[in-house]
């Protein structure tokens, strides 16, 4: 009887015990078949690692896989806020544009009074690194001349 599985009539998760009166010996195939059918009827999750899984009929295995997929989709929907019925409305309302007086910064002065940051303006004009700006102007001038002449020199 070493090749038999001990099956609990009342599962331990539901208060069953390990007493011999609560145990039934089943062949691995019968044990897997019982749990697969129980799973299809809404019972606890079925473990595909069961040693007799490959021996079960193909149509039963297909039904178990489909049920497992269905349960996973349902669980995903429950745990994913994007599937909540009011999600789209909440998303749209959170993304509304604040134009004019609805904008929280309407009528307030920024720290630079509407001007570009001084350090950023210097960079843009090449004043912070004039040597780099000059090199880039020369480089682009040379490239434009080469393109006009049809020559390319790397």
Protein backbone atom coordinates (compact mmCIF):
# COMPACT_ATOMS: atom_id res chain seq x y z
CA UNK A 1 0.00 0.00 0.00
CA UNK A 2 3.03 2.32 -0.32
CA UNK A 3 1.84 3.58 -3.69
CA UNK A 4 -1.40 4.96 -2.27
CA UNK A 5 -2.20 8.49 -1.17
CA UNK A 6 -3.78 9.43 2.14
CA UNK A 7 -6.80 11.59 1.40
CA UNK A 8 -8.65 13.54 4.10
CA UNK A 9 -12.43 13.12 3.94
CA UNK A 10 -12.76 16.48 5.73
CA UNK A 11 -9.80 18.66 4.71
CA UNK A 12 -7.51 19.86 7.46
CA UNK A 13 -8.14 23.43 6.28
CA UNK A 14 -11.82 22.89 7.17
CA UNK A 15 -11.17 21.44 10.61
CA UNK A 16 -10.49 17.83 9.62
CA UNK A 17 -8.02 15.76 11.61
CA UNK A 18 -5.35 13.18 10.86
CA UNK A 19 -7.39 10.47 12.61
CA UNK A 20 -7.70 7.20 10.69
CA UNK A 21 -11.49 7.72 10.62
CA UNK A 22 -10.92 10.86 8.50
CA UNK A 23 -8.40 9.21 6.12
CA UNK A 24 -9.09 7.23 2.95
CA UNK A 25 -6.39 5.50 0.90
CA UNK A 26 -6.64 6.26 -2.82
CA UNK A 27 -4.52 5.37 -5.80
CA UNK A 28 -2.60 8.38 -7.20
CA UNK A 29 -4.91 8.44 -10.24
CA UNK A 30 -8.10 8.36 -8.13
CA UNK A 31 -6.66 11.02 -5.82
CA UNK A 32 -5.83 13.37 -8.72
CA UNK A 33 -9.21 12.66 -10.34
CA UNK A 34 -11.04 13.46 -7.11
CA UNK A 35 -9.21 16.80 -6.64
CA UNK A 36 -9.61 17.78 -10.31
CA UNK A 37 -13.38 17.17 -10.18
CA UNK A 38 -13.62 18.95 -6.84
CA UNK A 39 -11.76 21.91 -8.33
CA UNK A 40 -14.15 22.08 -11.29
CA UNK A 41 -17.09 22.18 -8.88
CA UNK A 42 -15.65 25.30 -7.21
CA UNK A 43 -13.41 23.60 -4.68
CA UNK A 44 -9.90 24.55 -3.62
CA UNK A 45 -7.11 25.20 -6.09
CA UNK A 46 -5.76 22.18 -7.96
CA UNK A 47 -2.02 21.48 -7.86
CA UNK A 48 -0.74 20.68 -11.35
CA UNK A 49 2.37 19.11 -9.83
CA UNK A 50 0.31 16.13 -8.71
CA UNK A 51 2.11 12.96 -9.81
CA UNK A 52 -0.99 11.61 -11.58
CA UNK A 53 -1.75 14.81 -13.53
CA UNK A 54 -0.29 13.38 -16.78
CA UNK A 55 -2.52 10.30 -16.44
CA UNK A 56 -5.82 12.22 -16.31
CA UNK A 57 -7.99 12.32 -19.46
CA UNK A 58 -7.13 15.16 -21.86
CA UNK A 59 -10.63 16.66 -21.81
CA UNK A 60 -10.55 16.83 -17.99
CA UNK A 61 -7.10 18.44 -18.05
CA UNK A 62 -8.35 21.01 -20.55
CA UNK A 63 -11.35 21.81 -18.33
CA UNK A 64 -9.08 22.20 -15.29
CA UNK A 65 -6.73 24.54 -17.21
CA UNK A 66 -9.65 26.65 -18.45
CA UNK A 67 -11.11 26.90 -14.95
CA UNK A 68 -7.70 27.85 -13.56
CA UNK A 69 -7.40 30.61 -16.20
CA UNK A 70 -10.91 31.86 -15.46
CA UNK A 71 -10.15 32.06 -11.73
CA UNK A 72 -6.89 33.89 -12.38
CA UNK A 73 -8.67 36.44 -14.61
CA UNK A 74 -11.29 37.02 -11.91
CA UNK A 75 -8.59 37.44 -9.27
CA UNK A 76 -6.74 39.89 -11.51
CA UNK A 77 -9.90 41.94 -12.04
CA UNK A 78 -10.55 42.06 -8.29
CA UNK A 79 -7.02 43.23 -7.53
CA UNK A 80 -6.57 45.64 -10.45
CA UNK A 81 -8.11 49.09 -9.96
CA UNK A 82 -8.28 49.63 -13.73
CA UNK A 83 -11.16 47.13 -13.83
CA UNK A 84 -13.24 49.01 -11.24
CA UNK A 85 -16.54 50.25 -12.71
CA UNK A 86 -15.81 53.92 -11.93
CA UNK A 87 -12.14 53.84 -12.93
CA UNK A 88 -12.60 55.61 -16.27
CA UNK A 89 -14.54 58.49 -14.72
CA UNK A 90 -11.95 58.93 -11.96
CA UNK A 91 -9.13 58.90 -14.50
CA UNK A 92 -10.79 61.50 -16.72
CA UNK A 93 -11.60 63.79 -13.78
CA UNK A 94 -8.04 63.53 -12.44
CA UNK A 95 -6.60 64.54 -15.83
CA UNK A 96 -8.82 67.54 -16.50
CA UNK A 97 -6.84 70.56 -17.59
CA UNK A 98 -6.65 73.57 -15.33
CA UNK A 99 -7.18 76.51 -17.66
CA UNK A 100 -7.48 80.13 -16.63
CA UNK A 101 -8.88 80.73 -13.17
CA UNK A 102 -9.17 76.98 -12.51
CA UNK A 103 -5.37 76.78 -12.56
CA UNK A 104 -4.08 76.94 -8.96
CA UNK A 105 -1.22 79.22 -10.15
CA UNK A 106 -3.52 81.66 -11.94
CA UNK A 107 -2.61 85.26 -11.06
CA UNK A 108 0.39 84.27 -8.93
CA UNK A 109 3.90 85.36 -9.77
CA UNK A 110 6.48 82.68 -10.24
CA UNK A 111 9.85 82.95 -8.55
CA UNK A 112 11.36 84.43 -11.78
CA UNK A 113 8.37 86.66 -12.55
CA UNK A 114 7.61 84.98 -15.86
CA UNK A 115 11.18 85.13 -17.15
CA UNK A 116 13.44 82.24 -18.04
CA UNK A 117 15.76 81.16 -15.26
CA UNK A 118 18.89 83.29 -15.54
CA UNK A 119 21.30 80.34 -15.53
CA UNK A 120 19.24 78.58 -18.20
CA UNK A 121 19.11 81.68 -20.40
CA UNK A 122 22.90 81.97 -20.23
CA UNK A 123 23.30 78.38 -21.37
CA UNK A 124 20.92 78.93 -24.27
CA UNK A 125 22.83 81.95 -25.50
CA UNK A 126 26.21 80.25 -25.12
CA UNK A 127 27.40 82.77 -22.56
CA UNK A 128 28.06 80.23 -19.86
CA UNK A 129 30.33 78.20 -22.18
CA UNK A 130 31.13 80.55 -25.09
CA UNK A 131 34.00 78.40 -26.39
CA UNK A 132 31.62 75.45 -26.84
CA UNK A 133 29.02 77.62 -28.59
CA UNK A 134 31.67 78.97 -30.96
CA UNK A 135 32.96 75.45 -31.77
CA UNK A 136 29.44 74.26 -32.52
CA UNK A 137 28.75 77.24 -34.80
CA UNK A 138 31.95 76.49 -36.75
CA UNK A 139 31.14 72.79 -36.93
CA UNK A 140 27.63 73.39 -38.32
CA UNK A 141 28.90 76.02 -40.77
CA UNK A 142 31.47 73.52 -42.10
CA UNK A 143 28.81 70.77 -42.40
CA UNK A 144 26.48 73.10 -44.35
CA UNK A 145 29.32 73.97 -46.74
CA UNK A 146 30.18 70.28 -47.25
CA UNK A 147 26.54 69.46 -47.93
CA UNK A 148 26.32 72.30 -50.47
CA UNK A 149 29.51 71.07 -52.23
CA UNK A 150 28.47 67.42 -52.07
CA UNK A 151 31.63 66.45 -50.19
CA UNK A 152 31.81 64.67 -46.89
CA UNK A 153 34.90 64.77 -44.72
CA UNK A 154 34.95 62.93 -41.39
